[in-house]
């Protein structure tokens, strides 16, 4: 069975708040009452949430949204 390719298609998630950054290069965000670590390198340029204190939309690749159970 062939391996599925990861989808890099951007996914927009609403009502996200940046909580804190980690030394490992992740941003801890609050989404629908749960905290999730998002690698900062995978946050899309169109995202409103980049750093702690930011609020708004988070734009990340589809494969990551699926992996983190956000879609």
PDB file of N, CA and C in Angstrom:
ATOM      1  N   UNK A   1       0.840  -1.182   0.000  1.00  0.00           N
ATOM      2  CA  UNK A   1       0.000   0.000   0.000  1.00  0.00           C
ATOM      3  C   UNK A   1       0.888   1.250   0.000  1.00  0.00           C
ATOM      4  N   UNK A   2       0.669   2.187  -0.902  1.00  0.00           N
ATOM      5  CA  UNK A   2       1.520   3.382  -0.940  1.00  0.00           C
ATOM      6  C   UNK A   2       1.268   4.291   0.262  1.00  0.00           C
ATOM      7  N   UNK A   3       2.338   4.942   0.706  1.00  0.00           N
ATOM      8  CA  UNK A   3       2.214   5.896   1.807  1.00  0.00           C
ATOM      9  C   UNK A   3       1.510   7.153   1.331  1.00  0.00           C
ATOM     10  N   UNK A   4       0.629   7.675   2.164  1.00  0.00           N
ATOM     11  CA  UNK A   4      -0.076   8.903   1.791  1.00  0.00           C
ATOM     12  C   UNK A   4       0.855  10.101   1.966  1.00  0.00           C
ATOM     13  N   UNK A   5       0.757  11.029   1.039  1.00  0.00           N
ATOM     14  CA  UNK A   5       1.528  12.269   1.130  1.00  0.00           C
ATOM     15  C   UNK A   5       0.878  13.180   2.165  1.00  0.00           C
ATOM     16  N   UNK A   6       1.710  13.917   2.897  1.00  0.00           N
ATOM     17  CA  UNK A   6       1.182  14.903   3.837  1.00  0.00           C
ATOM     18  C   UNK A   6       0.639  16.083   3.053  1.00  0.00           C
ATOM     19  N   UNK A   7      -0.533  16.559   3.469  1.00  0.00           N
ATOM     20  CA  UNK A   7      -1.122  17.717   2.806  1.00  0.00           C
ATOM     21  C   UNK A   7      -0.630  19.005   3.466  1.00  0.00           C
ATOM     22  N   UNK A   8       0.024  19.826   2.663  1.00  0.00           N
ATOM     23  CA  UNK A   8       0.516  21.117   3.137  1.00  0.00           C
ATOM     24  C   UNK A   8      -0.504  22.227   2.864  1.00  0.00           C
ATOM     25  N   UNK A   9      -1.692  21.855   2.398  1.00  0.00           N
ATOM     26  CA  UNK A   9      -2.760  22.828   2.146  1.00  0.00           C
ATOM     27  C   UNK A   9      -3.054  23.572   3.451  1.00  0.00           C
ATOM     28  N   UNK A  10      -3.100  24.913   3.416  1.00  0.00           N
ATOM     29  CA  UNK A  10      -3.339  25.653   4.662  1.00  0.00           C
ATOM     30  C   UNK A  10      -4.759  25.481   5.196  1.00  0.00           C
ATOM     31  N   UNK A  11      -4.850  25.382   6.508  1.00  0.00           N
ATOM     32  CA  UNK A  11      -6.125  25.271   7.216  1.00  0.00           C
ATOM     33  C   UNK A  11      -6.191  26.446   8.186  1.00  0.00           C
ATOM     34  N   UNK A  12      -7.343  27.120   8.217  1.00  0.00           N
ATOM     35  CA  UNK A  12      -7.540  28.263   9.115  1.00  0.00           C
ATOM     36  C   UNK A  12      -8.380  27.831  10.308  1.00  0.00           C
ATOM     37  N   UNK A  13      -7.881  28.125  11.496  1.00  0.00           N
ATOM     38  CA  UNK A  13      -8.587  27.805  12.737  1.00  0.00           C
ATOM     39  C   UNK A  13      -8.889  29.130  13.434  1.00  0.00           C
ATOM     40  N   UNK A  14     -10.148  29.332  13.779  1.00  0.00           N
ATOM     41  CA  UNK A  14     -10.608  30.602  14.372  1.00  0.00           C
ATOM     42  C   UNK A  14     -10.475  30.587  15.894  1.00  0.00           C
ATOM     43  N   UNK A  15     -10.515  31.786  16.480  1.00  0.00           N
ATOM     44  CA  UNK A  15     -10.563  31.971  17.934  1.00  0.00           C
ATOM     45  C   UNK A  15      -9.424  31.273  18.679  1.00  0.00           C
ATOM     46  N   UNK A  16      -8.208  31.566  18.260  1.00  0.00           N
ATOM     47  CA  UNK A  16      -7.016  30.966  18.861  1.00  0.00           C
ATOM     48  C   UNK A  16      -6.281  32.047  19.654  1.00  0.00           C
ATOM     49  N   UNK A  17      -5.709  31.649  20.788  1.00  0.00           N
ATOM     50  CA  UNK A  17      -4.919  32.585  21.600  1.00  0.00           C
ATOM     51  C   UNK A  17      -3.532  31.986  21.826  1.00  0.00           C
ATOM     52  N   UNK A  18      -2.503  32.777  21.542  1.00  0.00           N
ATOM     53  CA  UNK A  18      -1.135  32.359  21.825  1.00  0.00           C
ATOM     54  C   UNK A  18      -0.851  32.517  23.309  1.00  0.00           C
ATOM     55  N   UNK A  19      -0.407  31.438  23.951  1.00  0.00           N
ATOM     56  CA  UNK A  19      -0.169  31.474  25.400  1.00  0.00           C
ATOM     57  C   UNK A  19       1.302  31.694  25.745  1.00  0.00           C
ATOM     58  N   UNK A  20       2.175  30.839  25.206  1.00  0.00           N
ATOM     59  CA  UNK A  20       3.600  30.979  25.518  1.00  0.00           C
ATOM     60  C   UNK A  20       4.429  30.267  24.461  1.00  0.00           C
ATOM     61  N   UNK A  21       5.686  30.667  24.369  1.00  0.00           N
ATOM     62  CA  UNK A  21       6.626  30.025  23.448  1.00  0.00           C
ATOM     63  C   UNK A  21       7.503  29.071  24.245  1.00  0.00           C
ATOM     64  N   UNK A  22       7.933  28.002  23.598  1.00  0.00           N
ATOM     65  CA  UNK A  22       8.839  27.059  24.239  1.00  0.00           C
ATOM     66  C   UNK A  22      10.249  27.263  23.706  1.00  0.00           C
ATOM     67  N   UNK A  23      11.227  26.777  24.438  1.00  0.00           N
ATOM     68  CA  UNK A  23      12.612  26.866  23.974  1.00  0.00           C
ATOM     69  C   UNK A  23      12.829  25.999  22.746  1.00  0.00           C
ATOM     70  N   UNK A  24      11.965  25.019  22.553  1.00  0.00           N
ATOM     71  CA  UNK A  24      12.092  24.115  21.412  1.00  0.00           C
ATOM     72  C   UNK A  24      11.503  24.660  20.122  1.00  0.00           C
ATOM     73  N   UNK A  25      11.010  25.905  20.136  1.00  0.00           N
ATOM     74  CA  UNK A  25      10.505  26.510  18.914  1.00  0.00           C
ATOM     75  C   UNK A  25       9.032  26.282  18.641  1.00  0.00           C
ATOM     76  N   UNK A  26       8.264  25.970  19.684  1.00  0.00           N
ATOM     77  CA  UNK A  26       6.822  25.785  19.520  1.00  0.00           C
ATOM     78  C   UNK A  26       6.078  26.938  20.189  1.00  0.00           C
ATOM     79  N   UNK A  27       4.884  27.176  19.712  1.00  0.00           N
ATOM     80  CA  UNK A  27       3.981  28.140  20.338  1.00  0.00           C
ATOM     81  C   UNK A  27       2.855  27.341  20.971  1.00  0.00           C
ATOM     82  N   UNK A  28       2.657  27.534  22.259  1.00  0.00           N
ATOM     83  CA  UNK A  28       1.542  26.889  22.954  1.00  0.00           C
ATOM     84  C   UNK A  28       0.332  27.789  22.757  1.00  0.00           C
ATOM     85  N   UNK A  29      -0.731  27.219  22.193  1.00  0.00           N
ATOM     86  CA  UNK A  29      -1.934  27.985  21.905  1.00  0.00           C
ATOM     87  C   UNK A  29      -3.139  27.371  22.604  1.00  0.00           C
ATOM     88  N   UNK A  30      -4.158  28.182  22.789  1.00  0.00           N
ATOM     89  CA  UNK A  30      -5.426  27.734  23.364  1.00  0.00           C
ATOM     90  C   UNK A  30      -6.455  27.703  22.248  1.00  0.00           C
ATOM     91  N   UNK A  31      -7.001  26.508  22.003  1.00  0.00           N
ATOM     92  CA  UNK A  31      -8.006  26.314  20.958  1.00  0.00           C
ATOM     93  C   UNK A  31      -9.161  25.525  21.563  1.00  0.00           C
ATOM     94  N   UNK A  32     -10.320  26.135  21.606  1.00  0.00           N
ATOM     95  CA  UNK A  32     -11.530  25.488  22.129  1.00  0.00           C
ATOM     96  C   UNK A  32     -11.291  24.830  23.489  1.00  0.00           C
ATOM     97  N   UNK A  33     -10.631  25.562  24.378  1.00  0.00           N
ATOM     98  CA  UNK A  33     -10.433  25.081  25.737  1.00  0.00           C
ATOM     99  C   UNK A  33      -9.277  24.115  25.943  1.00  0.00           C
ATOM    100  N   UNK A  34      -8.557  23.760  24.883  1.00  0.00           N
ATOM    101  CA  UNK A  34      -7.412  22.870  25.078  1.00  0.00           C
ATOM    102  C   UNK A  34      -6.125  23.535  24.601  1.00  0.00           C
ATOM    103  N   UNK A  35      -5.042  23.190  25.260  1.00  0.00           N
ATOM    104  CA  UNK A  35      -3.745  23.742  24.879  1.00  0.00           C
ATOM    105  C   UNK A  35      -3.054  22.783  23.919  1.00  0.00           C
ATOM    106  N   UNK A  36      -2.451  23.369  22.895  1.00  0.00           N
ATOM    107  CA  UNK A  36      -1.810  22.596  21.837  1.00  0.00           C
ATOM    108  C   UNK A  36      -0.480  23.256  21.502  1.00  0.00           C
ATOM    109  N   UNK A  37       0.558  22.446  21.304  1.00  0.00           N
ATOM    110  CA  UNK A  37       1.864  22.952  20.887  1.00  0.00           C
ATOM    111  C   UNK A  37       1.941  22.934  19.364  1.00  0.00           C
ATOM    112  N   UNK A  38       2.203  24.095  18.772  1.00  0.00           N
ATOM    113  CA  UNK A  38       2.311  24.224  17.321  1.00  0.00           C
ATOM    114  C   UNK A  38       3.738  24.671  16.990  1.00  0.00           C
ATOM    115  N   UNK A  39       4.472  23.888  16.182  1.00  0.00           N
ATOM    116  CA  UNK A  39       5.813  24.334  15.797  1.00  0.00           C
ATOM    117  C   UNK A  39       5.728  25.682  15.062  1.00  0.00           C
ATOM    118  N   UNK A  40       6.470  26.670  15.556  1.00  0.00           N
ATOM    119  CA  UNK A  40       6.400  28.003  14.960  1.00  0.00           C
ATOM    120  C   UNK A  40       6.818  27.990  13.488  1.00  0.00           C
ATOM    121  N   UNK A  41       7.691  27.089  13.124  1.00  0.00           N
ATOM    122  CA  UNK A  41       8.151  27.002  11.730  1.00  0.00           C
ATOM    123  C   UNK A  41       7.020  26.592  10.782  1.00  0.00           C
ATOM    124  N   UNK A  42       5.938  26.018  11.317  1.00  0.00           N
ATOM    125  CA  UNK A  42       4.825  25.562  10.476  1.00  0.00           C
ATOM    126  C   UNK A  42       3.643  26.529  10.474  1.00  0.00           C
ATOM    127  N   UNK A  43       3.762  27.649  11.168  1.00  0.00           N
ATOM    128  CA  UNK A  43       2.689  28.646  11.163  1.00  0.00           C
ATOM    129  C   UNK A  43       2.791  29.453   9.874  1.00  0.00           C
ATOM    130  N   UNK A  44       1.687  29.502   9.143  1.00  0.00           N
ATOM    131  CA  UNK A  44       1.629  30.170   7.842  1.00  0.00           C
ATOM    132  C   UNK A  44       1.761  31.689   7.984  1.00  0.00           C
ATOM    133  N   UNK A  45       2.292  32.312   6.933  1.00  0.00           N
ATOM    134  CA  UNK A  45       2.449  33.775   6.915  1.00  0.00           C
ATOM    135  C   UNK A  45       1.119  34.509   7.072  1.00  0.00           C
ATOM    136  N   UNK A  46       0.013  33.885   6.687  1.00  0.00           N
ATOM    137  CA  UNK A  46      -1.308  34.516   6.776  1.00  0.00           C
ATOM    138  C   UNK A  46      -1.929  34.416   8.175  1.00  0.00           C
ATOM    139  N   UNK A  47      -1.256  33.757   9.094  1.00  0.00           N
ATOM    140  CA  UNK A  47      -1.777  33.586  10.445  1.00  0.00           C
ATOM    141  C   UNK A  47      -1.761  34.899  11.216  1.00  0.00           C
ATOM    142  N   UNK A  48      -2.757  35.105  12.076  1.00  0.00           N
ATOM    143  CA  UNK A  48      -2.779  36.263  12.976  1.00  0.00           C
ATOM    144  C   UNK A  48      -2.098  35.930  14.303  1.00  0.00           C
ATOM    145  N   UNK A  49      -1.969  34.654  14.600  1.00  0.00           N
ATOM    146  CA  UNK A  49      -1.375  34.205  15.859  1.00  0.00           C
ATOM    147  C   UNK A  49       0.046  33.719  15.592  1.00  0.00           C
ATOM    148  N   UNK A  50       1.010  34.450  16.124  1.00  0.00           N
ATOM    149  CA  UNK A  50       2.437  34.146  15.924  1.00  0.00           C
ATOM    150  C   UNK A  50       3.193  33.991  17.228  1.00  0.00           C
ATOM    151  N   UNK A  51       2.743  34.711  18.271  1.00  0.00           N
ATOM    152  CA  UNK A  51       3.509  34.749  19.520  1.00  0.00           C
ATOM    153  C   UNK A  51       2.546  34.859  20.705  1.00  0.00           C
ATOM    154  N   UNK A  52       3.069  34.702  21.923  1.00  0.00           N
ATOM    155  CA  UNK A  52       2.215  34.814  23.107  1.00  0.00           C
ATOM    156  C   UNK A  52       1.470  36.149  23.123  1.00  0.00           C
ATOM    157  N   UNK A  53       0.202  36.095  23.457  1.00  0.00           N
ATOM    158  CA  UNK A  53      -0.626  37.296  23.516  1.00  0.00           C
ATOM    159  C   UNK A  53      -1.411  37.559  22.245  1.00  0.00           C
ATOM    160  N   UNK A  54      -0.984  36.970  21.117  1.00  0.00           N
ATOM    161  CA  UNK A  54      -1.731  37.136  19.867  1.00  0.00           C
ATOM    162  C   UNK A  54      -3.062  36.389  19.953  1.00  0.00           C
ATOM    163  N   UNK A  55      -4.088  36.947  19.336  1.00  0.00           N
ATOM    164  CA  UNK A  55      -5.400  36.304  19.280  1.00  0.00           C
ATOM    165  C   UNK A  55      -5.963  36.455  17.879  1.00  0.00           C
ATOM    166  N   UNK A  56      -6.675  35.449  17.419  1.00  0.00           N
ATOM    167  CA  UNK A  56      -7.294  35.500  16.092  1.00  0.00           C
ATOM    168  C   UNK A  56      -7.221  34.162  15.397  1.00  0.00           C
ATOM    169  N   UNK A  57      -6.945  34.213  14.100  1.00  0.00           N
ATOM    170  CA  UNK A  57      -6.895  32.980  13.317  1.00  0.00           C
ATOM    171  C   UNK A  57      -5.477  32.413  13.302  1.00  0.00           C
ATOM    172  N   UNK A  58      -5.421  31.094  13.319  1.00  0.00           N
ATOM    173  CA  UNK A  58      -4.164  30.360  13.196  1.00  0.00           C
ATOM    174  C   UNK A  58      -4.225  29.608  11.873  1.00  0.00           C
ATOM    175  N   UNK A  59      -3.201  29.761  11.057  1.00  0.00           N
ATOM    176  CA  UNK A  59      -3.159  29.081   9.762  1.00  0.00           C
ATOM    177  C   UNK A  59      -1.963  28.132   9.773  1.00  0.00           C
ATOM    178  N   UNK A  60      -2.280  26.828   9.652  1.00  0.00           N
ATOM    179  CA  UNK A  60      -1.253  25.783   9.685  1.00  0.00           C
ATOM    180  C   UNK A  60      -1.542  24.766   8.591  1.00  0.00           C
ATOM    181  N   UNK A  61      -0.555  23.924   8.233  1.00  0.00           N
ATOM    182  CA  UNK A  61      -0.796  22.896   7.214  1.00  0.00           C
ATOM    183  C   UNK A  61      -1.860  21.889   7.666  1.00  0.00           C
ATOM    184  N   UNK A  62      -2.596  21.393   6.696  1.00  0.00           N
ATOM    185  CA  UNK A  62      -3.678  20.443   6.986  1.00  0.00           C
ATOM    186  C   UNK A  62      -3.179  19.219   7.749  1.00  0.00           C
ATOM    187  N   UNK A  63      -2.021  18.671   7.359  1.00  0.00           N
ATOM    188  CA  UNK A  63      -1.537  17.461   8.034  1.00  0.00           C
ATOM    189  C   UNK A  63      -1.323  17.705   9.527  1.00  0.00           C
ATOM    190  N   UNK A  64      -0.869  18.904   9.903  1.00  0.00           N
ATOM    191  CA  UNK A  64      -0.642  19.224  11.303  1.00  0.00           C
ATOM    192  C   UNK A  64      -1.966  19.388  12.045  1.00  0.00           C
ATOM    193  N   UNK A  65      -2.935  20.030  11.400  1.00  0.00           N
ATOM    194  CA  UNK A  65      -4.259  20.185  11.999  1.00  0.00           C
ATOM    195  C   UNK A  65      -4.895  18.829  12.278  1.00  0.00           C
ATOM    196  N   UNK A  66      -4.711  17.890  11.356  1.00  0.00           N
ATOM    197  CA  UNK A  66      -5.242  16.533  11.548  1.00  0.00           C
ATOM    198  C   UNK A  66      -4.488  15.825  12.662  1.00  0.00           C
ATOM    199  N   UNK A  67      -3.157  15.921  12.625  1.00  0.00           N
ATOM    200  CA  UNK A  67      -2.306  15.285  13.638  1.00  0.00           C
ATOM    201  C   UNK A  67      -2.637  15.774  15.040  1.00  0.00           C
ATOM    202  N   UNK A  68      -2.949  17.058  15.178  1.00  0.00           N
ATOM    203  CA  UNK A  68      -3.262  17.649  16.487  1.00  0.00           C
ATOM    204  C   UNK A  68      -4.749  17.573  16.809  1.00  0.00           C
ATOM    205  N   UNK A  69      -5.529  16.900  15.960  1.00  0.00           N
ATOM    206  CA  UNK A  69      -6.969  16.707  16.163  1.00  0.00           C
ATOM    207  C   UNK A  69      -7.725  18.040  16.250  1.00  0.00           C
ATOM    208  N   UNK A  70      -7.406  18.945  15.315  1.00  0.00           N
ATOM    209  CA  UNK A  70      -8.022  20.276  15.307  1.00  0.00           C
ATOM    210  C   UNK A  70      -9.070  20.442  14.202  1.00  0.00           C
ATOM    211  N   UNK A  71      -9.187  19.458  13.332  1.00  0.00           N
ATOM    212  CA  UNK A  71     -10.201  19.500  12.275  1.00  0.00           C
ATOM    213  C   UNK A  71     -10.966  18.201  12.256  1.00  0.00           C
TER     214      UNK A  71
END
